[in-house]
Amino acid sequence: MLNNLRKRDRYEMYYLSQVEQGKKRDGVYALGQYIPMSVDKARRVIDQIRGRSY
């Protein structure tokens, strides 16, 4: 059953199961697909959000 799900859906199911078991970890998960920008530019933006210098 899990093999038929998209990667994001599998991750969400795993995350929710961890929350139910009390093993929630702090963090953020984001998914971006088909974004019309270069990989290098996206990395620069993400690094700025993280507070790193580029």
C-alpha atoms as a PDB file:
ATOM      1  CA  MET A   1       0.000   0.000   0.000  1.00  0.00           C
ATOM      2  CA  LEU A   2       2.740   2.481   0.934  1.00  0.00           C
ATOM      3  CA  ASN A   3       4.557   1.955  -2.356  1.00  0.00           C
ATOM      4  CA  ASN A   4       1.602   3.378  -4.290  1.00  0.00           C
ATOM      5  CA  LEU A   5       1.650   6.672  -2.394  1.00  0.00           C
ATOM      6  CA  ARG A   6       3.620   9.733  -3.366  1.00  0.00           C
ATOM      7  CA  LYS A   7       6.762  10.488  -1.391  1.00  0.00           C
ATOM      8  CA  ARG A   8       5.108  13.438   0.349  1.00  0.00           C
ATOM      9  CA  ASP A   9       2.133  11.319   1.388  1.00  0.00           C
ATOM     10  CA  ARG A  10       4.410   8.602   2.772  1.00  0.00           C
ATOM     11  CA  TYR A  11       6.310  11.227   4.762  1.00  0.00           C
ATOM     12  CA  GLU A  12       3.089  12.696   6.158  1.00  0.00           C
ATOM     13  CA  MET A  13       1.853   9.257   7.216  1.00  0.00           C
ATOM     14  CA  TYR A  14       5.191   8.534   8.902  1.00  0.00           C
ATOM     15  CA  TYR A  15       5.216  11.915  10.645  1.00  0.00           C
ATOM     16  CA  LEU A  16       1.664  11.514  11.924  1.00  0.00           C
ATOM     17  CA  SER A  17       2.440   8.034  13.246  1.00  0.00           C
ATOM     18  CA  GLN A  18       5.442   9.462  15.124  1.00  0.00           C
ATOM     19  CA  VAL A  19       3.283  12.212  16.613  1.00  0.00           C
ATOM     20  CA  GLU A  20       0.748   9.651  17.805  1.00  0.00           C
ATOM     21  CA  GLN A  21       3.527   7.682  19.494  1.00  0.00           C
ATOM     22  CA  GLY A  22       4.868  10.788  21.199  1.00  0.00           C
ATOM     23  CA  LYS A  23       8.087  10.811  19.177  1.00  0.00           C
ATOM     24  CA  LYS A  24       7.482  14.129  17.513  1.00  0.00           C
ATOM     25  CA  ARG A  25      10.663  15.887  16.513  1.00  0.00           C
ATOM     26  CA  ASP A  26      11.053  19.583  15.981  1.00  0.00           C
ATOM     27  CA  GLY A  27      11.572  20.650  12.427  1.00  0.00           C
ATOM     28  CA  VAL A  28      10.056  21.825   9.232  1.00  0.00           C
ATOM     29  CA  TYR A  29       9.299  19.989   6.035  1.00  0.00           C
ATOM     30  CA  ALA A  30       8.705  21.789   2.775  1.00  0.00           C
ATOM     31  CA  LEU A  31       8.281  20.550  -0.757  1.00  0.00           C
ATOM     32  CA  GLY A  32       8.583  22.634  -3.890  1.00  0.00           C
ATOM     33  CA  GLN A  33       8.085  21.211  -7.339  1.00  0.00           C
ATOM     34  CA  TYR A  34       8.268  22.838 -10.758  1.00  0.00           C
ATOM     35  CA  ILE A  35       9.611  26.152  -9.477  1.00  0.00           C
ATOM     36  CA  PRO A  36      10.869  28.244 -12.417  1.00  0.00           C
ATOM     37  CA  MET A  37      14.244  29.253 -10.972  1.00  0.00           C
ATOM     38  CA  SER A  38      17.780  27.926 -11.096  1.00  0.00           C
ATOM     39  CA  VAL A  39      18.978  25.508  -8.458  1.00  0.00           C
ATOM     40  CA  ASP A  40      21.752  27.862  -7.379  1.00  0.00           C
ATOM     41  CA  LYS A  41      19.335  30.735  -6.863  1.00  0.00           C
ATOM     42  CA  ALA A  42      16.979  28.518  -4.856  1.00  0.00           C
ATOM     43  CA  ARG A  43      19.871  27.428  -2.640  1.00  0.00           C
ATOM     44  CA  ARG A  44      20.856  31.058  -2.056  1.00  0.00           C
ATOM     45  CA  VAL A  45      17.313  31.927  -0.985  1.00  0.00           C
ATOM     46  CA  ILE A  46      17.094  28.907   1.315  1.00  0.00           C
ATOM     47  CA  ASP A  47      20.456  29.734   2.868  1.00  0.00           C
ATOM     48  CA  GLN A  48      19.277  33.289   3.535  1.00  0.00           C
ATOM     49  CA  ILE A  49      16.171  31.932   5.244  1.00  0.00           C
ATOM     50  CA  ARG A  50      18.390  29.692   7.383  1.00  0.00           C
ATOM     51  CA  GLY A  51      20.482  32.708   8.321  1.00  0.00           C
ATOM     52  CA  ARG A  52      23.627  31.645   6.507  1.00  0.00           C
ATOM     53  CA  SER A  53      25.672  33.976   4.403  1.00  0.00           C
ATOM     54  CA  TYR A  54      25.867  33.351   0.718  1.00  0.00           C
END
